[in-house]
Amino acid sequence: METFLQQVVNGISQGSAYALIALGYTMVYGVLRLINFAHADVYMIGAFSGYYLANSSLVQTTLGTSVFAAVVVMVGAMAICACVGMLIERFAYRPGRSPAPHVLPFWLGILGAGFGYQAEGGAIPIFFGSSVGAMVGFFLERVVGIRPERRYSSLKVLIVAIGVSLFLENGGQIVFGADPKFFPQIIPTRPVQIGGLSVDSQRIVVLGVAILLMVLLNLVVNYTKTGKAMRAVSFNIDAARLMGINTDRIIAFTFALGSALAGAGGILVSLMYPRIDPLMGIMPGLKAFVAAVLGGIGSITGAMLGGLIIGLAEVMAVGYGQSTYRDAIAFVILVLILLVKPTGIMGKGMVDKV
């Protein structure tokens, strides 16, 4: 029984991290009916942001290994991921649903910066490359008249999402390096005895922070004016626009909130498993997507429940001698839920009028 309870605690800690990532998937899908395949890579950016913040002189010399240092690292990583999420929405997904200016200057500027980084690697070549790329983009947009088309296509946006994911993964290998890095220990760790159980203090922190963030998310969505606007946009985006809601602002806020949670998930997972690399988001992202589908994609409570179930199933498989099937468990669950209840545990069927 003690072994079983030990695995339950480990599974809940692991599942709570999956739940934070799954919330980003389900929030974006609930508002836009779009699977944000780049979300798992934002999780990777959160882990690397935390890595560089934790190794900064401020944290290393001033704060040291403490809970306050962990708070600074997590808040900083969440803020960076929120900004990345808004940039992705503004320059990748928004042009797919409405004509948006300055898309070409942004992406050509990023491309020029990449060429500058590859050529010399210094600040001046990067700045020069990004400036040239941005100017070429402005010329094509303003003079030649190349702009995103006005017709919305869900397939086009889906392909863009896959492209952004590949861009972040390969860009991460260029910027951060392809070799794995090891996340520093920013929280003092020691075994905590709870009855007959011995629980790592870091897992307790991970579980507590994840629960706190999920509670705050529920408060934001259900008890704030912005949360009410998010629910209105999710229900009917055209009606919400007619009622005076700035839908672009609400969608950008949704991306920022989901990306911030993914960044927090990256920090929490890195505390439990300190090895990080630019491709670290692929498998956890797939498992979090399965968790969102299992709980009912579009349902915030369902995403939390699905993450906990996936985490428990994975840890139980490892704890009872089936570690070979650790990564397969989530996909077996996905197949079963699609066969038995495709809408998920807490999902509701939708009627499409034709």
Protein backbone atom coordinates (compact mmCIF):
# COMPACT_ATOMS: atom_id res chain seq x y z
CA MET A 1 0.00 0.00 0.00
CA GLU A 2 2.84 2.41 0.78
CA THR A 3 4.33 1.75 -2.65
CA PHE A 4 0.96 2.38 -4.27
CA LEU A 5 0.46 5.67 -2.39
CA GLN A 6 4.01 6.69 -3.31
CA GLN A 7 3.22 6.16 -6.98
CA VAL A 8 -0.06 8.08 -6.62
CA VAL A 9 1.80 11.11 -5.25
CA ASN A 10 4.36 10.92 -8.05
CA GLY A 11 1.62 10.48 -10.66
CA ILE A 12 -0.36 13.48 -9.42
CA SER A 13 2.78 15.64 -9.51
CA GLN A 14 3.58 14.49 -13.05
CA GLY A 15 -0.04 14.83 -14.16
CA SER A 16 -0.36 18.35 -12.79
CA ALA A 17 2.49 19.45 -15.06
CA TYR A 18 0.77 17.79 -18.04
CA ALA A 19 -2.44 19.54 -17.04
CA LEU A 20 -0.78 22.97 -17.21
CA ILE A 21 0.35 22.28 -20.78
CA ALA A 22 -3.03 20.77 -21.73
CA LEU A 23 -4.80 23.92 -20.53
CA GLY A 24 -3.09 25.91 -23.28
CA TYR A 25 -4.31 23.50 -25.93
CA THR A 26 -7.87 23.49 -24.65
CA MET A 27 -8.10 27.27 -24.16
CA VAL A 28 -6.95 28.06 -27.70
CA TYR A 29 -9.22 25.38 -29.15
CA GLY A 30 -12.14 26.64 -27.11
CA VAL A 31 -11.74 30.16 -28.50
CA LEU A 32 -10.52 29.57 -32.07
CA ARG A 33 -11.30 25.89 -32.75
CA LEU A 34 -7.58 25.60 -33.56
CA ILE A 35 -5.03 23.06 -32.34
CA ASN A 36 -1.96 25.13 -31.50
CA PHE A 37 0.81 22.67 -32.39
CA ALA A 38 3.44 25.24 -31.40
CA HIS A 39 2.24 25.17 -27.79
CA ALA A 40 4.60 22.35 -26.79
CA ASP A 41 7.54 24.35 -28.09
CA VAL A 42 6.50 27.32 -25.95
CA TYR A 43 6.83 24.87 -23.05
CA MET A 44 10.41 24.26 -24.22
CA ILE A 45 11.07 28.01 -24.35
CA GLY A 46 9.78 28.27 -20.78
CA ALA A 47 12.28 25.65 -19.62
CA PHE A 48 15.21 27.39 -21.35
CA SER A 49 14.08 30.81 -20.12
CA GLY A 50 14.10 29.44 -16.59
CA TYR A 51 17.51 27.87 -17.20
CA TYR A 52 19.13 31.16 -18.23
CA LEU A 53 17.33 33.14 -15.54
CA ALA A 54 18.42 30.64 -12.87
CA ASN A 55 22.03 30.89 -14.06
CA SER A 56 22.00 34.69 -14.13
CA SER A 57 24.14 36.62 -11.67
CA LEU A 58 21.06 38.05 -9.92
CA VAL A 59 19.73 34.63 -8.96
CA GLN A 60 23.09 32.92 -8.39
CA THR A 61 24.74 35.59 -6.22
CA THR A 62 21.84 37.50 -4.70
CA LEU A 63 19.01 35.01 -4.22
CA GLY A 64 20.84 31.68 -4.24
CA THR A 65 18.89 28.47 -3.72
CA SER A 66 15.59 29.55 -2.20
CA VAL A 67 11.86 29.64 -2.76
CA PHE A 68 12.10 33.34 -3.65
CA ALA A 69 14.62 32.53 -6.38
CA ALA A 70 12.24 29.91 -7.75
CA VAL A 71 9.40 32.46 -7.79
CA VAL A 72 11.54 34.98 -9.70
CA VAL A 73 12.60 32.34 -12.23
CA MET A 74 9.05 31.06 -12.75
CA VAL A 75 7.46 34.51 -13.07
CA GLY A 76 10.16 35.59 -15.51
CA ALA A 77 9.76 32.44 -17.63
CA MET A 78 5.97 32.82 -17.64
CA ALA A 79 6.27 36.46 -18.76
CA ILE A 80 8.66 35.50 -21.59
CA CYS A 81 6.36 32.69 -22.74
CA ALA A 82 3.33 34.99 -22.61
CA CYS A 83 5.13 37.44 -24.92
CA VAL A 84 6.12 34.59 -27.26
CA GLY A 85 2.51 33.37 -27.32
CA MET A 86 1.21 36.83 -28.24
CA LEU A 87 3.81 37.18 -30.99
CA ILE A 88 2.82 33.80 -32.44
CA GLU A 89 -0.85 34.77 -32.39
CA ARG A 90 -0.22 38.21 -33.88
CA PHE A 91 2.12 37.27 -36.72
CA ALA A 92 1.20 33.65 -37.47
CA TYR A 93 -2.40 32.85 -36.57
CA ARG A 94 -4.17 36.20 -36.84
CA PRO A 95 -3.28 36.67 -40.54
CA GLY A 96 -4.98 33.33 -41.16
CA ARG A 97 -8.35 34.60 -39.97
CA SER A 98 -8.17 38.30 -40.94
CA PRO A 99 -5.82 40.53 -42.98
CA ALA A 100 -3.08 41.77 -40.66
CA PRO A 101 -0.35 44.29 -41.57
CA HIS A 102 3.39 43.97 -40.89
CA VAL A 103 3.42 40.17 -41.15
CA LEU A 104 6.04 40.05 -43.93
CA PRO A 105 8.40 42.56 -42.22
CA PHE A 106 8.27 40.53 -39.01
CA TRP A 107 9.02 37.12 -40.54
CA LEU A 108 11.58 38.42 -43.04
CA GLY A 109 13.23 40.30 -40.18
CA ILE A 110 13.45 37.05 -38.20
CA LEU A 111 14.85 35.29 -41.27
CA GLY A 112 17.44 38.05 -41.79
CA ALA A 113 18.46 37.85 -38.13
CA GLY A 114 18.96 34.10 -38.56
CA PHE A 115 21.23 34.67 -41.55
CA GLY A 116 23.19 37.25 -39.58
CA TYR A 117 23.55 34.83 -36.67
CA GLN A 118 24.79 32.06 -38.96
CA ALA A 119 27.20 34.36 -40.81
CA GLU A 120 29.02 36.06 -37.94
CA GLY A 121 27.13 35.43 -34.74
CA GLY A 122 27.64 38.94 -33.39
CA ALA A 123 25.08 41.58 -32.46
CA ILE A 124 25.87 43.82 -35.46
CA PRO A 125 25.33 41.13 -38.17
CA ILE A 126 22.09 40.04 -36.46
CA PHE A 127 20.82 43.63 -36.31
CA PHE A 128 21.86 44.29 -39.90
CA GLY A 129 20.24 41.10 -41.17
CA SER A 130 16.99 41.74 -39.33
CA SER A 131 16.87 45.35 -40.55
CA VAL A 132 17.40 44.34 -44.18
CA GLY A 133 14.78 41.61 -43.91
CA ALA A 134 12.26 43.98 -42.33
CA MET A 135 12.84 46.63 -45.01
CA VAL A 136 12.34 44.06 -47.78
CA GLY A 137 9.14 42.99 -46.04
CA PHE A 138 7.84 46.56 -45.86
CA PHE A 139 8.63 47.04 -49.55
CA LEU A 140 6.77 43.87 -50.55
CA GLU A 141 3.82 44.76 -48.32
CA ARG A 142 3.47 48.47 -49.11
CA VAL A 143 4.73 48.77 -52.69
CA VAL A 144 4.16 45.37 -54.27
CA GLY A 145 0.99 44.78 -52.29
CA ILE A 146 1.67 41.26 -50.99
CA ARG A 147 -0.61 40.72 -48.00
CA PRO A 148 -2.40 37.78 -46.35
CA GLU A 149 -5.56 36.86 -48.22
CA ARG A 150 -8.90 37.68 -46.64
CA ARG A 151 -10.44 34.23 -46.95
CA TYR A 152 -10.26 32.13 -43.79
CA SER A 153 -9.09 28.55 -44.12
CA SER A 154 -8.76 26.24 -41.12
CA LEU A 155 -6.39 24.02 -43.10
CA LYS A 156 -4.14 26.98 -43.85
CA VAL A 157 -3.98 27.95 -40.17
CA LEU A 158 -3.30 24.32 -39.20
CA ILE A 159 -0.35 24.17 -41.62
CA VAL A 160 0.93 27.48 -40.24
CA ALA A 161 0.76 26.03 -36.71
CA ILE A 162 2.88 23.05 -37.76
CA GLY A 163 5.33 25.42 -39.48
CA VAL A 164 5.65 27.59 -36.35
CA SER A 165 6.32 24.45 -34.29
CA LEU A 166 9.13 23.35 -36.62
CA PHE A 167 10.50 26.90 -36.67
CA LEU A 168 10.71 27.03 -32.87
CA GLU A 169 12.25 23.56 -32.58
CA ASN A 170 14.97 24.17 -35.16
CA GLY A 171 15.46 27.77 -34.08
CA GLY A 172 15.93 26.51 -30.54
CA GLN A 173 18.70 24.19 -31.69
CA ILE A 174 20.45 27.13 -33.34
CA VAL A 175 20.04 29.57 -30.45
CA PHE A 176 20.32 27.25 -27.42
CA GLY A 177 22.48 24.55 -29.00
CA ALA A 178 21.50 20.97 -29.77
CA ASP A 179 23.36 19.53 -26.77
CA PRO A 180 21.27 18.88 -23.64
CA LYS A 181 21.62 21.14 -20.61
CA PHE A 182 20.87 20.48 -16.97
CA PHE A 183 18.47 22.69 -15.08
CA PRO A 184 20.03 24.13 -11.90
CA GLN A 185 18.61 23.28 -8.51
CA ILE A 186 16.81 26.47 -7.48
CA ILE A 187 14.77 24.94 -4.65
CA PRO A 188 16.34 23.15 -1.69
CA THR A 189 15.38 19.49 -1.94
CA ARG A 190 15.06 16.99 0.86
CA PRO A 191 12.86 13.99 1.61
CA VAL A 192 9.69 14.78 3.55
CA GLN A 193 8.10 12.03 5.63
CA ILE A 194 4.30 11.94 5.42
CA GLY A 195 3.16 8.95 7.43
CA GLY A 196 4.99 6.02 5.91
CA LEU A 197 5.66 7.88 2.66
CA SER A 198 8.90 9.61 1.69
CA VAL A 199 8.15 12.44 -0.75
CA ASP A 200 10.71 14.69 -2.40
CA SER A 201 10.12 18.30 -1.37
CA GLN A 202 10.42 19.37 -5.01
CA ARG A 203 7.42 17.22 -5.97
CA ILE A 204 5.41 18.85 -3.20
CA VAL A 205 6.35 22.28 -4.55
CA VAL A 206 5.47 21.20 -8.11
CA LEU A 207 2.07 19.94 -7.01
CA GLY A 208 1.32 23.01 -4.89
CA VAL A 209 2.32 25.49 -7.60
CA ALA A 210 0.34 23.61 -10.27
CA ILE A 211 -2.80 23.55 -8.11
CA LEU A 212 -2.39 27.25 -7.32
CA LEU A 213 -2.06 28.16 -11.01
CA MET A 214 -5.08 26.07 -11.98
CA VAL A 215 -7.18 27.68 -9.24
CA LEU A 216 -6.10 31.15 -10.40
CA LEU A 217 -6.99 30.23 -13.98
CA ASN A 218 -10.47 29.18 -12.91
CA LEU A 219 -10.91 32.46 -11.03
CA VAL A 220 -9.81 34.46 -14.08
CA VAL A 221 -12.08 32.59 -16.49
CA ASN A 222 -15.18 32.44 -14.30
CA TYR A 223 -15.08 35.59 -12.17
CA THR A 224 -13.50 38.38 -14.22
CA LYS A 225 -14.79 40.57 -17.02
CA THR A 226 -12.05 39.35 -19.35
CA GLY A 227 -12.94 35.76 -18.49
CA LYS A 228 -16.57 36.43 -19.33
CA ALA A 229 -15.43 37.87 -22.67
CA MET A 230 -13.32 34.75 -23.27
CA ARG A 231 -16.35 32.54 -22.69
CA ALA A 232 -18.43 34.72 -25.00
CA VAL A 233 -15.84 34.50 -27.79
CA SER A 234 -15.67 30.73 -27.26
CA PHE A 235 -19.44 30.44 -27.56
CA ASN A 236 -19.83 32.58 -30.70
CA ILE A 237 -17.05 34.83 -31.96
CA ASP A 238 -19.26 36.73 -34.41
CA ALA A 239 -21.93 37.48 -31.81
CA ALA A 240 -19.23 38.55 -29.34
CA ARG A 241 -17.83 40.95 -31.94
CA LEU A 242 -21.28 42.42 -32.55
CA MET A 243 -21.71 42.97 -28.80
CA GLY A 244 -18.63 45.20 -28.78
CA ILE A 245 -16.00 42.73 -27.53
CA ASN A 246 -12.54 43.28 -28.96
CA THR A 247 -12.11 39.69 -30.10
CA ASP A 248 -8.51 40.16 -31.26
CA ARG A 249 -7.51 41.39 -27.81
CA ILE A 250 -9.31 38.51 -26.09
CA ILE A 251 -7.70 35.93 -28.40
CA ALA A 252 -4.26 37.45 -27.79
CA PHE A 253 -4.91 37.33 -24.03
CA THR A 254 -5.93 33.67 -24.34
CA PHE A 255 -2.67 32.85 -26.13
CA ALA A 256 -0.68 34.78 -23.52
CA LEU A 257 -2.41 33.02 -20.63
CA GLY A 258 -2.05 29.55 -22.14
CA SER A 259 1.60 30.18 -23.05
CA ALA A 260 2.36 31.43 -19.53
CA LEU A 261 0.93 28.19 -18.12
CA ALA A 262 3.07 26.21 -20.57
CA GLY A 263 6.13 28.14 -19.38
CA ALA A 264 5.25 27.29 -15.78
CA GLY A 265 4.88 23.65 -16.82
CA GLY A 266 8.35 23.77 -18.38
CA ILE A 267 9.85 25.01 -15.10
CA LEU A 268 8.00 22.44 -12.99
CA VAL A 269 8.96 19.50 -15.20
CA SER A 270 12.57 20.73 -15.29
CA LEU A 271 12.65 20.68 -11.50
CA MET A 272 11.66 16.98 -11.50
CA TYR A 273 13.65 16.00 -14.61
CA PRO A 274 16.50 18.54 -14.98
CA ARG A 275 17.69 17.46 -18.45
CA ILE A 276 16.44 19.94 -21.07
CA ASP A 277 17.00 20.26 -24.83
CA PRO A 278 15.32 22.09 -27.76
CA LEU A 279 13.24 19.01 -28.68
CA MET A 280 12.04 18.35 -25.14
CA GLY A 281 8.53 19.62 -25.91
CA ILE A 282 7.63 16.96 -28.48
CA MET A 283 6.64 14.04 -26.24
CA PRO A 284 5.19 16.03 -23.29
CA GLY A 285 3.28 18.14 -25.82
CA LEU A 286 1.74 15.05 -27.39
CA LYS A 287 0.84 13.65 -23.96
CA ALA A 288 -0.70 16.98 -22.94
CA PHE A 289 -2.70 17.01 -26.17
CA VAL A 290 -3.95 13.51 -25.35
CA ALA A 291 -4.86 14.78 -21.87
CA ALA A 292 -6.87 17.64 -23.41
CA VAL A 293 -8.71 15.22 -25.71
CA LEU A 294 -9.27 12.77 -22.87
CA GLY A 295 -10.81 15.41 -20.62
CA GLY A 296 -12.79 16.97 -23.48
CA ILE A 297 -10.91 19.49 -25.56
CA GLY A 298 -12.38 22.92 -24.94
CA SER A 299 -13.12 22.11 -21.29
CA ILE A 300 -10.72 23.64 -18.76
CA THR A 301 -11.78 21.27 -15.98
CA GLY A 302 -11.51 18.36 -18.41
CA ALA A 303 -7.92 19.33 -19.30
CA MET A 304 -6.97 19.28 -15.63
CA LEU A 305 -8.62 15.90 -15.10
CA GLY A 306 -7.08 14.46 -18.28
CA GLY A 307 -3.60 15.59 -17.25
CA LEU A 308 -3.92 13.91 -13.87
CA ILE A 309 -5.16 10.66 -15.45
CA ILE A 310 -2.30 10.57 -17.97
CA GLY A 311 0.26 11.30 -15.25
CA LEU A 312 -1.11 8.61 -12.94
CA ALA A 313 -1.29 6.00 -15.73
CA GLU A 314 2.27 6.74 -16.83
CA VAL A 315 3.78 6.60 -13.35
CA MET A 316 1.84 3.44 -12.45
CA ALA A 317 3.15 1.72 -15.58
CA VAL A 318 6.73 2.62 -14.65
CA GLY A 319 6.29 1.81 -10.96
CA TYR A 320 4.95 -1.67 -11.61
CA GLY A 321 7.59 -2.84 -14.04
CA GLN A 322 6.22 -1.74 -17.41
CA SER A 323 8.54 1.18 -18.09
CA THR A 324 8.91 0.08 -21.73
CA TYR A 325 5.33 1.15 -22.34
CA ARG A 326 5.64 4.48 -20.57
CA ASP A 327 5.22 6.63 -23.68
CA ALA A 328 2.70 4.27 -25.27
CA ILE A 329 0.20 4.52 -22.40
CA ALA A 330 -1.03 7.96 -23.44
CA PHE A 331 -1.66 6.90 -27.03
CA VAL A 332 -3.49 3.73 -26.00
CA ILE A 333 -5.73 5.94 -23.87
CA LEU A 334 -6.21 8.28 -26.86
CA VAL A 335 -7.34 5.41 -29.10
CA LEU A 336 -9.72 4.09 -26.43
CA ILE A 337 -11.30 7.48 -25.71
CA LEU A 338 -11.80 8.17 -29.42
CA LEU A 339 -13.50 4.80 -29.82
CA VAL A 340 -15.68 4.96 -26.70
CA LYS A 341 -16.37 8.68 -26.13
CA PRO A 342 -14.82 10.94 -28.79
CA THR A 343 -15.95 14.13 -27.04
CA GLY A 344 -13.90 13.25 -23.95
CA ILE A 345 -14.89 12.79 -20.33
CA MET A 346 -16.29 16.30 -19.84
CA GLY A 347 -16.69 17.36 -23.47
CA LYS A 348 -20.03 18.08 -25.08
CA GLY A 349 -21.11 17.17 -28.58
CA MET A 350 -21.48 20.01 -31.06
CA VAL A 351 -24.11 20.32 -33.77
CA ASP A 352 -22.97 21.70 -37.10
CA LYS A 353 -25.66 23.29 -39.23
CA VAL A 354 -25.30 22.59 -42.94
